[in-house]
Amino acid sequence: MNPSRSEYLFLGALAAGVIGISIPRIGTPEGYLGIALLLLLCGVLVTTRTWQDRGFYLVCGGVPLVVACSITSLWAGVFSACMLAGIVYGAWGLQQSQRDLISFMLFCGGTGFVALVIILSNHVLPALLALGSITAVILAIQSVRNYQFRKQCTGA
């Protein structure tokens, strides 16, 4: 499986963002850490191009970069998380239809909204409670749908 063009576009945008926030801080550990973790992500992207579980390895290789960017600023972390999600979406082949693009934009918008709530409230707890409750509702809906699907397929 060859990397799609969108993976390279998102990686280029991520690299430009990481280099842009790392160059002013090149004398501090955050500056070197961002560039080193970007190189790690590039290595994972190249090494795993034929592997089946490529998306998982890209997430594992990219999350430390997102955390390192979040050390600098919350918006840099949000940007790097959205770009990492774009890379993983490309690896999974989820950027081929309009529906996939809408779900990606909803993810990026939701992440930006949560970051805005964190900045405005000056605390993480309200955003954490909101994310937890939304996740619980989604899991409840998914479990009900899974039950209905199993019931329909078994003929009960």
N, C-alpha and C. Protein backbone atom coordinates (compact mmCIF):
# COMPACT_ATOMS: atom_id res chain seq x y z
N MET A 1 0.85 -1.17 0.00
CA MET A 1 0.00 0.00 0.00
C MET A 1 0.89 1.23 0.00
N ASN A 2 0.74 2.06 -0.97
CA ASN A 2 1.52 3.29 -1.06
C ASN A 2 0.78 4.42 -0.35
N PRO A 3 1.52 5.32 0.26
CA PRO A 3 0.85 6.46 0.91
C PRO A 3 0.09 7.30 -0.11
N SER A 4 -1.07 7.72 0.25
CA SER A 4 -1.87 8.53 -0.66
C SER A 4 -1.33 9.95 -0.68
N ARG A 5 -1.78 10.70 -1.65
CA ARG A 5 -1.31 12.08 -1.79
C ARG A 5 -1.74 12.93 -0.59
N SER A 6 -2.91 12.64 -0.03
CA SER A 6 -3.38 13.44 1.10
C SER A 6 -2.49 13.26 2.32
N GLU A 7 -1.91 12.07 2.49
CA GLU A 7 -1.00 11.88 3.62
C GLU A 7 0.19 12.82 3.51
N TYR A 8 0.73 12.96 2.32
CA TYR A 8 1.87 13.85 2.12
C TYR A 8 1.46 15.31 2.32
N LEU A 9 0.26 15.68 1.91
CA LEU A 9 -0.20 17.06 2.11
C LEU A 9 -0.33 17.38 3.60
N PHE A 10 -0.95 16.46 4.34
CA PHE A 10 -1.10 16.69 5.77
C PHE A 10 0.25 16.64 6.48
N LEU A 11 1.16 15.75 6.04
CA LEU A 11 2.48 15.70 6.64
C LEU A 11 3.25 16.98 6.35
N GLY A 12 3.12 17.52 5.15
CA GLY A 12 3.78 18.78 4.82
C GLY A 12 3.26 19.93 5.67
N ALA A 13 1.93 19.99 5.84
CA ALA A 13 1.35 21.04 6.68
C ALA A 13 1.78 20.87 8.13
N LEU A 14 1.82 19.63 8.60
CA LEU A 14 2.26 19.37 9.97
C LEU A 14 3.72 19.75 10.14
N ALA A 15 4.55 19.40 9.17
CA ALA A 15 5.98 19.74 9.25
C ALA A 15 6.17 21.25 9.25
N ALA A 16 5.43 21.96 8.40
CA ALA A 16 5.55 23.42 8.37
C ALA A 16 5.13 24.02 9.72
N GLY A 17 4.06 23.51 10.30
CA GLY A 17 3.61 24.02 11.60
C GLY A 17 4.59 23.72 12.72
N VAL A 18 5.11 22.50 12.74
CA VAL A 18 6.06 22.13 13.80
C VAL A 18 7.35 22.92 13.67
N ILE A 19 7.84 23.06 12.46
CA ILE A 19 9.06 23.84 12.26
C ILE A 19 8.82 25.31 12.59
N GLY A 20 7.63 25.80 12.25
CA GLY A 20 7.29 27.19 12.57
C GLY A 20 7.25 27.48 14.05
N ILE A 21 6.79 26.53 14.86
CA ILE A 21 6.77 26.76 16.31
C ILE A 21 8.06 26.35 16.98
N SER A 22 8.88 25.53 16.31
CA SER A 22 10.11 25.06 16.93
C SER A 22 11.29 25.99 16.68
N ILE A 23 11.34 26.67 15.55
CA ILE A 23 12.48 27.52 15.23
C ILE A 23 12.67 28.64 16.26
N PRO A 24 11.62 29.36 16.70
CA PRO A 24 11.87 30.40 17.72
C PRO A 24 12.33 29.83 19.06
N ARG A 25 12.06 28.56 19.31
CA ARG A 25 12.42 27.95 20.60
C ARG A 25 13.59 26.98 20.44
N ILE A 26 14.45 27.18 19.48
CA ILE A 26 15.51 26.23 19.16
C ILE A 26 16.53 26.08 20.28
N GLY A 27 16.66 27.02 21.16
CA GLY A 27 17.59 26.91 22.28
C GLY A 27 17.02 26.14 23.46
N THR A 28 15.72 25.91 23.46
CA THR A 28 15.06 25.23 24.57
C THR A 28 14.78 23.77 24.19
N PRO A 29 14.50 22.92 25.18
CA PRO A 29 14.19 21.52 24.86
C PRO A 29 12.93 21.34 23.99
N GLU A 30 11.97 22.27 24.11
CA GLU A 30 10.75 22.12 23.31
C GLU A 30 11.03 22.24 21.81
N GLY A 31 11.99 23.09 21.46
CA GLY A 31 12.32 23.27 20.06
C GLY A 31 12.91 22.01 19.44
N TYR A 32 13.85 21.40 20.14
CA TYR A 32 14.46 20.18 19.63
C TYR A 32 13.51 19.00 19.69
N LEU A 33 12.69 18.96 20.72
CA LEU A 33 11.76 17.85 20.89
C LEU A 33 10.74 17.79 19.75
N GLY A 34 10.21 18.93 19.35
CA GLY A 34 9.24 18.94 18.26
C GLY A 34 9.83 18.43 16.95
N ILE A 35 11.02 18.87 16.65
CA ILE A 35 11.66 18.44 15.40
C ILE A 35 12.03 16.96 15.47
N ALA A 36 12.53 16.49 16.61
CA ALA A 36 12.89 15.08 16.76
C ALA A 36 11.66 14.19 16.62
N LEU A 37 10.55 14.59 17.23
CA LEU A 37 9.34 13.78 17.14
C LEU A 37 8.71 13.85 15.75
N LEU A 38 8.91 14.95 15.05
CA LEU A 38 8.47 15.03 13.65
C LEU A 38 9.25 14.03 12.80
N LEU A 39 10.55 13.93 13.04
CA LEU A 39 11.36 12.95 12.32
C LEU A 39 10.93 11.53 12.66
N LEU A 40 10.54 11.29 13.92
CA LEU A 40 10.02 9.98 14.30
C LEU A 40 8.75 9.65 13.53
N LEU A 41 7.84 10.61 13.42
CA LEU A 41 6.61 10.38 12.68
C LEU A 41 6.89 10.12 11.20
N CYS A 42 7.83 10.86 10.63
CA CYS A 42 8.20 10.62 9.23
C CYS A 42 8.77 9.22 9.06
N GLY A 43 9.57 8.77 10.02
CA GLY A 43 10.12 7.41 9.97
C GLY A 43 9.04 6.36 10.06
N VAL A 44 8.07 6.57 10.92
CA VAL A 44 6.95 5.63 11.04
C VAL A 44 6.12 5.62 9.75
N LEU A 45 5.92 6.79 9.16
CA LEU A 45 5.16 6.89 7.92
C LEU A 45 5.84 6.11 6.79
N VAL A 46 7.15 6.22 6.71
CA VAL A 46 7.88 5.52 5.65
C VAL A 46 8.01 4.03 5.95
N THR A 47 8.30 3.68 7.19
CA THR A 47 8.53 2.28 7.56
C THR A 47 7.28 1.43 7.43
N THR A 48 6.13 1.97 7.78
CA THR A 48 4.91 1.16 7.85
C THR A 48 4.04 1.25 6.60
N ARG A 49 4.59 1.68 5.48
CA ARG A 49 3.73 1.91 4.32
C ARG A 49 3.10 0.65 3.75
N THR A 50 3.60 -0.53 4.08
CA THR A 50 2.99 -1.76 3.58
C THR A 50 2.34 -2.58 4.69
N TRP A 51 2.31 -2.08 5.89
CA TRP A 51 1.78 -2.84 7.02
C TRP A 51 0.26 -2.71 7.07
N GLN A 52 -0.38 -3.73 7.62
CA GLN A 52 -1.84 -3.73 7.72
C GLN A 52 -2.34 -2.75 8.79
N ASP A 53 -1.67 -2.70 9.92
CA ASP A 53 -2.11 -1.87 11.04
C ASP A 53 -1.43 -0.51 11.02
N ARG A 54 -1.28 0.05 9.87
CA ARG A 54 -0.52 1.28 9.68
C ARG A 54 -1.08 2.46 10.45
N GLY A 55 -2.40 2.60 10.48
CA GLY A 55 -3.03 3.72 11.18
C GLY A 55 -2.71 3.71 12.66
N PHE A 56 -2.70 2.52 13.26
CA PHE A 56 -2.37 2.41 14.68
C PHE A 56 -0.96 2.88 14.96
N TYR A 57 -0.02 2.45 14.13
CA TYR A 57 1.37 2.86 14.32
C TYR A 57 1.56 4.35 14.07
N LEU A 58 0.82 4.91 13.14
CA LEU A 58 0.91 6.34 12.90
C LEU A 58 0.38 7.13 14.10
N VAL A 59 -0.70 6.64 14.69
CA VAL A 59 -1.23 7.31 15.89
C VAL A 59 -0.21 7.22 17.03
N CYS A 60 0.37 6.03 17.22
CA CYS A 60 1.36 5.86 18.29
C CYS A 60 2.60 6.71 18.05
N GLY A 61 2.99 6.88 16.80
CA GLY A 61 4.15 7.70 16.51
C GLY A 61 3.85 9.19 16.52
N GLY A 62 2.59 9.57 16.34
CA GLY A 62 2.24 10.98 16.25
C GLY A 62 1.74 11.62 17.53
N VAL A 63 1.22 10.85 18.44
CA VAL A 63 0.68 11.42 19.68
C VAL A 63 1.77 12.11 20.51
N PRO A 64 2.99 11.55 20.62
CA PRO A 64 4.01 12.33 21.34
C PRO A 64 4.30 13.69 20.69
N LEU A 65 4.22 13.76 19.38
CA LEU A 65 4.40 15.04 18.70
C LEU A 65 3.28 16.01 19.05
N VAL A 66 2.05 15.52 19.12
CA VAL A 66 0.92 16.37 19.50
C VAL A 66 1.11 16.90 20.92
N VAL A 67 1.56 16.04 21.82
CA VAL A 67 1.80 16.47 23.21
C VAL A 67 2.92 17.50 23.25
N ALA A 68 3.98 17.27 22.48
CA ALA A 68 5.09 18.22 22.45
C ALA A 68 4.65 19.58 21.89
N CYS A 69 3.80 19.56 20.89
CA CYS A 69 3.29 20.83 20.35
C CYS A 69 2.35 21.50 21.33
N SER A 70 1.63 20.71 22.10
CA SER A 70 0.71 21.28 23.09
C SER A 70 1.45 21.94 24.24
N ILE A 71 2.70 21.54 24.46
CA ILE A 71 3.51 22.20 25.49
C ILE A 71 3.72 23.66 25.13
N THR A 72 3.90 23.91 23.83
CA THR A 72 4.15 25.28 23.38
C THR A 72 2.90 26.12 23.46
N SER A 73 1.82 25.64 22.86
CA SER A 73 0.55 26.34 22.97
C SER A 73 -0.58 25.36 22.67
N LEU A 74 -1.73 25.66 23.20
CA LEU A 74 -2.88 24.78 23.00
C LEU A 74 -3.29 24.73 21.53
N TRP A 75 -3.21 25.86 20.84
CA TRP A 75 -3.62 25.89 19.43
C TRP A 75 -2.65 25.12 18.55
N ALA A 76 -1.37 25.11 18.90
CA ALA A 76 -0.40 24.30 18.16
C ALA A 76 -0.71 22.82 18.34
N GLY A 77 -1.14 22.44 19.53
CA GLY A 77 -1.53 21.05 19.78
C GLY A 77 -2.78 20.67 19.01
N VAL A 78 -3.75 21.57 18.95
CA VAL A 78 -4.97 21.30 18.18
C VAL A 78 -4.65 21.16 16.70
N PHE A 79 -3.80 22.05 16.19
CA PHE A 79 -3.41 21.97 14.79
C PHE A 79 -2.70 20.66 14.49
N SER A 80 -1.76 20.27 15.34
CA SER A 80 -1.02 19.03 15.08
C SER A 80 -1.93 17.80 15.24
N ALA A 81 -2.90 17.86 16.14
CA ALA A 81 -3.84 16.74 16.27
C ALA A 81 -4.70 16.60 15.02
N CYS A 82 -5.13 17.73 14.46
CA CYS A 82 -5.94 17.67 13.23
C CYS A 82 -5.10 17.18 12.05
N MET A 83 -3.87 17.59 11.97
CA MET A 83 -3.01 17.13 10.87
C MET A 83 -2.68 15.64 11.03
N LEU A 84 -2.46 15.19 12.26
CA LEU A 84 -2.23 13.77 12.50
C LEU A 84 -3.47 12.96 12.14
N ALA A 85 -4.64 13.48 12.47
CA ALA A 85 -5.88 12.80 12.09
C ALA A 85 -6.00 12.72 10.57
N GLY A 86 -5.59 13.76 9.86
CA GLY A 86 -5.61 13.73 8.41
C GLY A 86 -4.67 12.68 7.84
N ILE A 87 -3.50 12.54 8.44
CA ILE A 87 -2.55 11.52 8.01
C ILE A 87 -3.13 10.12 8.23
N VAL A 88 -3.73 9.91 9.40
CA VAL A 88 -4.30 8.60 9.71
C VAL A 88 -5.52 8.32 8.82
N TYR A 89 -6.35 9.33 8.58
CA TYR A 89 -7.48 9.16 7.66
C TYR A 89 -6.99 8.75 6.28
N GLY A 90 -5.90 9.35 5.83
CA GLY A 90 -5.34 8.99 4.53
C GLY A 90 -4.80 7.57 4.52
N ALA A 91 -4.20 7.15 5.63
CA ALA A 91 -3.66 5.80 5.72
C ALA A 91 -4.78 4.76 5.71
N TRP A 92 -5.91 5.09 6.28
CA TRP A 92 -7.04 4.18 6.30
C TRP A 92 -7.89 4.28 5.04
N GLY A 93 -7.60 5.23 4.19
CA GLY A 93 -8.38 5.41 2.97
C GLY A 93 -9.74 6.03 3.22
N LEU A 94 -9.84 6.91 4.20
CA LEU A 94 -11.12 7.50 4.57
C LEU A 94 -11.32 8.91 4.04
N GLN A 95 -10.60 9.28 3.00
CA GLN A 95 -10.76 10.61 2.44
C GLN A 95 -11.19 10.54 0.98
N GLN A 96 -12.08 9.64 0.69
CA GLN A 96 -12.46 9.44 -0.70
C GLN A 96 -13.86 9.94 -1.02
N SER A 97 -14.68 10.12 0.00
CA SER A 97 -16.05 10.56 -0.27
C SER A 97 -16.34 11.85 0.48
N GLN A 98 -17.46 12.44 0.13
CA GLN A 98 -17.89 13.69 0.78
C GLN A 98 -18.20 13.45 2.26
N ARG A 99 -18.76 12.30 2.57
CA ARG A 99 -19.11 11.97 3.95
C ARG A 99 -17.85 11.87 4.82
N ASP A 100 -16.79 11.28 4.26
CA ASP A 100 -15.53 11.19 5.00
C ASP A 100 -14.95 12.57 5.27
N LEU A 101 -15.03 13.43 4.29
CA LEU A 101 -14.51 14.79 4.47
C LEU A 101 -15.31 15.54 5.53
N ILE A 102 -16.62 15.33 5.55
CA ILE A 102 -17.47 15.99 6.56
C ILE A 102 -17.12 15.48 7.96
N SER A 103 -16.90 14.17 8.10
CA SER A 103 -16.55 13.64 9.43
C SER A 103 -15.19 14.16 9.88
N PHE A 104 -14.26 14.32 8.96
CA PHE A 104 -12.95 14.88 9.31
C PHE A 104 -13.10 16.33 9.74
N MET A 105 -13.89 17.11 9.01
CA MET A 105 -14.10 18.51 9.38
C MET A 105 -14.83 18.62 10.73
N LEU A 106 -15.77 17.72 11.00
CA LEU A 106 -16.44 17.72 12.30
C LEU A 106 -15.45 17.41 13.43
N PHE A 107 -14.52 16.49 13.17
CA PHE A 107 -13.51 16.19 14.18
C PHE A 107 -12.65 17.42 14.46
N CYS A 108 -12.18 18.07 13.40
CA CYS A 108 -11.33 19.25 13.58
C CYS A 108 -12.10 20.39 14.25
N GLY A 109 -13.35 20.59 13.85
CA GLY A 109 -14.16 21.63 14.47
C GLY A 109 -14.47 21.33 15.92
N GLY A 110 -14.76 20.06 16.23
CA GLY A 110 -15.02 19.67 17.61
C GLY A 110 -13.79 19.82 18.49
N THR A 111 -12.64 19.47 17.95
CA THR A 111 -11.40 19.63 18.69
C THR A 111 -11.11 21.11 18.95
N GLY A 112 -11.34 21.94 17.95
CA GLY A 112 -11.16 23.38 18.13
C GLY A 112 -12.13 23.96 19.15
N PHE A 113 -13.38 23.46 19.12
CA PHE A 113 -14.38 23.94 20.09
C PHE A 113 -13.98 23.56 21.51
N VAL A 114 -13.51 22.34 21.71
CA VAL A 114 -13.08 21.91 23.04
C VAL A 114 -11.90 22.76 23.51
N ALA A 115 -10.97 23.05 22.61
CA ALA A 115 -9.83 23.91 22.98
C ALA A 115 -10.30 25.31 23.35
N LEU A 116 -11.29 25.82 22.62
CA LEU A 116 -11.83 27.13 22.94
C LEU A 116 -12.50 27.14 24.31
N VAL A 117 -13.23 26.08 24.64
CA VAL A 117 -13.87 25.97 25.96
C VAL A 117 -12.81 25.92 27.05
N ILE A 118 -11.72 25.20 26.80
CA ILE A 118 -10.64 25.12 27.79
C ILE A 118 -10.01 26.49 28.00
N ILE A 119 -9.78 27.22 26.92
CA ILE A 119 -9.15 28.52 27.05
C ILE A 119 -10.09 29.52 27.73
N LEU A 120 -11.36 29.52 27.38
CA LEU A 120 -12.29 30.47 27.97
C LEU A 120 -12.59 30.17 29.43
N SER A 121 -12.67 28.90 29.78
CA SER A 121 -12.97 28.56 31.18
C SER A 121 -11.72 28.55 32.04
N ASN A 122 -10.56 28.55 31.39
CA ASN A 122 -9.28 28.53 32.09
C ASN A 122 -9.14 27.31 32.98
N HIS A 123 -9.83 26.23 32.61
CA HIS A 123 -9.77 24.99 33.36
C HIS A 123 -10.14 23.84 32.44
N VAL A 124 -9.61 22.66 32.70
CA VAL A 124 -9.82 21.51 31.84
C VAL A 124 -11.06 20.71 32.24
N LEU A 125 -11.50 20.82 33.48
CA LEU A 125 -12.58 19.97 33.99
C LEU A 125 -13.89 20.11 33.20
N PRO A 126 -14.39 21.30 32.87
CA PRO A 126 -15.65 21.36 32.10
C PRO A 126 -15.55 20.67 30.74
N ALA A 127 -14.43 20.86 30.06
CA ALA A 127 -14.26 20.21 28.76
C ALA A 127 -14.15 18.70 28.91
N LEU A 128 -13.47 18.26 29.97
CA LEU A 128 -13.33 16.83 30.21
C LEU A 128 -14.68 16.19 30.53
N LEU A 129 -15.49 16.86 31.33
CA LEU A 129 -16.82 16.34 31.63
C LEU A 129 -17.71 16.30 30.39
N ALA A 130 -17.61 17.34 29.56
CA ALA A 130 -18.40 17.37 28.32
C ALA A 130 -17.97 16.25 27.38
N LEU A 131 -16.68 16.08 27.21
CA LEU A 131 -16.20 15.00 26.34
C LEU A 131 -16.58 13.63 26.87
N GLY A 132 -16.48 13.46 28.17
CA GLY A 132 -16.87 12.18 28.78
C GLY A 132 -18.35 11.87 28.59
N SER A 133 -19.19 12.87 28.76
CA SER A 133 -20.63 12.63 28.59
C SER A 133 -20.99 12.38 27.13
N ILE A 134 -20.36 13.11 26.22
CA ILE A 134 -20.62 12.88 24.80
C ILE A 134 -20.16 11.48 24.39
N THR A 135 -19.00 11.07 24.89
CA THR A 135 -18.50 9.73 24.60
C THR A 135 -19.43 8.66 25.16
N ALA A 136 -19.95 8.86 26.36
CA ALA A 136 -20.87 7.89 26.95
C ALA A 136 -22.15 7.78 26.13
N VAL A 137 -22.66 8.90 25.64
CA VAL A 137 -23.88 8.87 24.81
C VAL A 137 -23.61 8.13 23.50
N ILE A 138 -22.48 8.41 22.88
CA ILE A 138 -22.14 7.74 21.62
C ILE A 138 -21.97 6.25 21.83
N LEU A 139 -21.30 5.84 22.91
CA LEU A 139 -21.14 4.42 23.19
C LEU A 139 -22.48 3.74 23.48
N ALA A 140 -23.38 4.43 24.17
CA ALA A 140 -24.70 3.85 24.43
C ALA A 140 -25.47 3.66 23.12
N ILE A 141 -25.43 4.64 22.24
CA ILE A 141 -26.11 4.53 20.94
C ILE A 141 -25.51 3.39 20.13
N GLN A 142 -24.18 3.29 20.12
CA GLN A 142 -23.51 2.23 19.37
C GLN A 142 -23.86 0.85 19.92
N SER A 143 -23.94 0.71 21.24
CA SER A 143 -24.27 -0.60 21.81
C SER A 143 -25.71 -0.99 21.51
N VAL A 144 -26.62 -0.02 21.50
CA VAL A 144 -28.00 -0.32 21.13
C VAL A 144 -28.08 -0.73 19.67
N ARG A 145 -27.38 -0.03 18.80
CA ARG A 145 -27.36 -0.38 17.37
C ARG A 145 -26.74 -1.75 17.15
N ASN A 146 -25.69 -2.07 17.90
CA ASN A 146 -25.06 -3.37 17.79
C ASN A 146 -26.01 -4.48 18.23
N TYR A 147 -26.75 -4.24 19.31
CA TYR A 147 -27.75 -5.20 19.78
C TYR A 147 -28.84 -5.41 18.74
N GLN A 148 -29.33 -4.31 18.15
CA GLN A 148 -30.36 -4.43 17.13
C GLN A 148 -29.85 -5.18 15.91
N PHE A 149 -28.62 -4.94 15.52
CA PHE A 149 -28.04 -5.62 14.37
C PHE A 149 -27.90 -7.12 14.64
N ARG A 150 -27.42 -7.48 15.81
CA ARG A 150 -27.30 -8.92 16.15
C ARG A 150 -28.66 -9.59 16.22
N LYS A 151 -29.63 -8.89 16.77
CA LYS A 151 -30.97 -9.46 16.87
C LYS A 151 -31.57 -9.67 15.49
N GLN A 152 -31.36 -8.73 14.59
CA GLN A 152 -31.88 -8.85 13.23
C GLN A 152 -31.18 -9.97 12.46
N CYS A 153 -29.88 -10.12 12.64
CA CYS A 153 -29.13 -11.13 11.89
C CYS A 153 -29.37 -12.55 12.40
N THR A 154 -29.68 -12.70 13.68
CA THR A 154 -29.94 -14.06 14.22
C THR A 154 -31.38 -14.48 13.99
N GLY A 155 -32.23 -13.57 13.62
CA GLY A 155 -33.62 -13.90 13.33
C GLY A 155 -34.49 -14.02 14.56
N ALA A 156 -34.03 -13.51 15.68
CA ALA A 156 -34.81 -13.58 16.91
C ALA A 156 -35.91 -12.55 16.93
